[in-house]
């Protein structure tokens, strides 16, 4: 059994809305995470490859590509395929939820239905089960 160290886990937050990104960055930082940020899908994918974060938090609606494309890239690359991905989005149609989970999302979270405490708990859970 490994013990938790004082090294902060790194979360890559891929979110195009600056205000939303700032809100979630603050939440994660208050939860003792180090936060990397990307405002486009391509930037997020590039950072995932170069930084190999402990967790990716991904919006589906991005300006340059759909979040599912980013998720497909993460899951298809040998160096990133095991990184947990929390999809955090306003999209809540059941077909989209199922499609996202079938593409390999670790968790699908609707932005309007979670508290900051829930977000931290989900992130910690995904990192423990990684």
Protein backbone atom coordinates (compact mmCIF):
# COMPACT_ATOMS: atom_id res chain seq x y z
CA UNK A 1 0.00 0.00 0.00
CA UNK A 2 1.39 3.39 -0.93
CA UNK A 3 1.05 6.42 1.27
CA UNK A 4 0.01 9.83 -0.02
CA UNK A 5 2.92 12.21 -0.33
CA UNK A 6 2.86 15.97 -0.14
CA UNK A 7 3.26 16.23 -3.89
CA UNK A 8 0.22 17.98 -5.35
CA UNK A 9 -1.65 16.02 -7.97
CA UNK A 10 -1.81 17.83 -11.29
CA UNK A 11 -5.14 18.47 -12.97
CA UNK A 12 -5.40 19.70 -16.54
CA UNK A 13 -8.56 21.79 -16.92
CA UNK A 14 -9.69 22.04 -20.55
CA UNK A 15 -12.42 24.69 -20.63
CA UNK A 16 -12.99 27.48 -23.17
CA UNK A 17 -14.90 29.85 -20.87
CA UNK A 18 -12.40 31.93 -18.94
CA UNK A 19 -14.79 32.67 -16.09
CA UNK A 20 -15.73 28.99 -15.73
CA UNK A 21 -12.06 27.99 -15.94
CA UNK A 22 -11.15 30.49 -13.20
CA UNK A 23 -13.97 29.19 -10.98
CA UNK A 24 -12.93 25.55 -11.29
CA UNK A 25 -9.23 26.40 -11.04
CA UNK A 26 -9.92 28.07 -7.68
CA UNK A 27 -11.99 25.09 -6.51
CA UNK A 28 -9.26 22.61 -7.43
CA UNK A 29 -6.50 24.76 -5.93
CA UNK A 30 -8.48 25.00 -2.69
CA UNK A 31 -8.62 21.19 -2.83
CA UNK A 32 -4.79 21.17 -2.86
CA UNK A 33 -4.37 20.36 -6.55
CA UNK A 34 -1.96 21.97 -8.99
CA UNK A 35 -3.97 23.19 -12.02
CA UNK A 36 -2.82 23.40 -15.62
CA UNK A 37 -5.17 25.20 -18.01
CA UNK A 38 -6.14 24.97 -21.66
CA UNK A 39 -8.81 27.00 -23.45
CA UNK A 40 -9.02 24.89 -26.63
CA UNK A 41 -9.14 21.20 -27.43
CA UNK A 42 -5.84 21.28 -29.30
CA UNK A 43 -4.07 23.11 -26.48
CA UNK A 44 -5.54 20.60 -24.04
CA UNK A 45 -4.39 17.63 -26.09
CA UNK A 46 -0.89 19.13 -26.49
CA UNK A 47 -0.64 19.71 -22.73
CA UNK A 48 -1.92 16.21 -21.99
CA UNK A 49 0.85 14.76 -24.16
CA UNK A 50 3.63 16.99 -22.85
CA UNK A 51 2.69 17.23 -19.16
CA UNK A 52 0.91 13.90 -18.54
CA UNK A 53 -1.33 15.29 -15.78
CA UNK A 54 -2.76 13.02 -13.09
CA UNK A 55 -6.32 13.92 -14.16
CA UNK A 56 -7.91 15.68 -17.13
CA UNK A 57 -11.10 17.70 -16.57
CA UNK A 58 -12.65 18.18 -19.99
CA UNK A 59 -15.50 20.29 -21.32
CA UNK A 60 -17.27 18.89 -24.41
CA UNK A 61 -18.08 22.19 -26.09
CA UNK A 62 -14.79 23.71 -27.22
CA UNK A 63 -14.13 26.28 -29.96
CA UNK A 64 -11.82 24.22 -32.17
CA UNK A 65 -12.90 20.61 -31.71
CA UNK A 66 -15.47 18.60 -29.78
CA UNK A 67 -14.31 17.33 -26.41
CA UNK A 68 -14.91 13.79 -27.64
CA UNK A 69 -12.09 14.28 -30.14
CA UNK A 70 -9.77 15.21 -27.28
CA UNK A 71 -10.99 12.19 -25.32
CA UNK A 72 -10.42 9.91 -28.33
CA UNK A 73 -6.87 11.26 -28.66
CA UNK A 74 -6.16 10.68 -24.96
CA UNK A 75 -7.52 7.14 -25.03
CA UNK A 76 -5.74 6.17 -28.26
CA UNK A 77 -2.24 7.28 -27.29
CA UNK A 78 -0.04 4.84 -25.38
CA UNK A 79 1.37 7.52 -23.06
CA UNK A 80 -1.99 9.02 -22.07
CA UNK A 81 -4.56 6.23 -22.33
CA UNK A 82 -4.64 5.50 -18.58
CA UNK A 83 -5.06 9.13 -17.44
CA UNK A 84 -8.50 9.51 -15.82
CA UNK A 85 -10.77 11.95 -17.64
CA UNK A 86 -13.65 13.72 -15.91
CA UNK A 87 -16.01 15.25 -18.46
CA UNK A 88 -17.44 18.40 -16.87
CA UNK A 89 -20.02 19.96 -19.16
CA UNK A 90 -23.43 21.57 -19.49
CA UNK A 91 -24.51 18.90 -21.99
CA UNK A 92 -26.90 16.49 -20.30
CA UNK A 93 -28.69 14.58 -23.09
CA UNK A 94 -28.57 10.88 -22.21
CA UNK A 95 -27.26 9.92 -25.67
CA UNK A 96 -24.31 12.26 -25.25
CA UNK A 97 -23.62 10.92 -21.76
CA UNK A 98 -23.61 7.33 -23.06
CA UNK A 99 -21.49 8.23 -26.07
CA UNK A 100 -18.95 10.02 -23.88
CA UNK A 101 -18.70 7.11 -21.46
CA UNK A 102 -18.35 4.68 -24.38
CA UNK A 103 -15.40 6.76 -25.63
CA UNK A 104 -13.67 6.13 -22.32
CA UNK A 105 -14.56 9.00 -19.99
CA UNK A 106 -13.90 8.04 -16.38
CA UNK A 107 -16.80 10.17 -15.10
CA UNK A 108 -19.47 12.39 -16.66
CA UNK A 109 -20.44 15.38 -14.53
CA UNK A 110 -23.05 18.02 -15.32
CA UNK A 111 -21.81 21.49 -14.31
CA UNK A 112 -25.15 22.59 -12.92
CA UNK A 113 -25.62 19.62 -10.63
CA UNK A 114 -22.44 19.54 -8.54
CA UNK A 115 -21.08 21.57 -5.67
CA UNK A 116 -17.40 22.48 -5.34
CA UNK A 117 -17.13 19.82 -2.62
CA UNK A 118 -18.57 17.21 -5.01
CA UNK A 119 -16.04 18.15 -7.69
CA UNK A 120 -13.14 17.68 -5.26
CA UNK A 121 -14.54 14.34 -4.06
CA UNK A 122 -14.95 13.08 -7.64
CA UNK A 123 -11.41 14.18 -8.54
CA UNK A 124 -9.95 12.51 -5.46
CA UNK A 125 -11.91 9.34 -6.18
CA UNK A 126 -10.65 9.22 -9.77
CA UNK A 127 -7.06 9.73 -8.60
CA UNK A 128 -7.31 6.97 -5.97
CA UNK A 129 -8.70 4.47 -8.48
CA UNK A 130 -6.17 5.46 -11.18
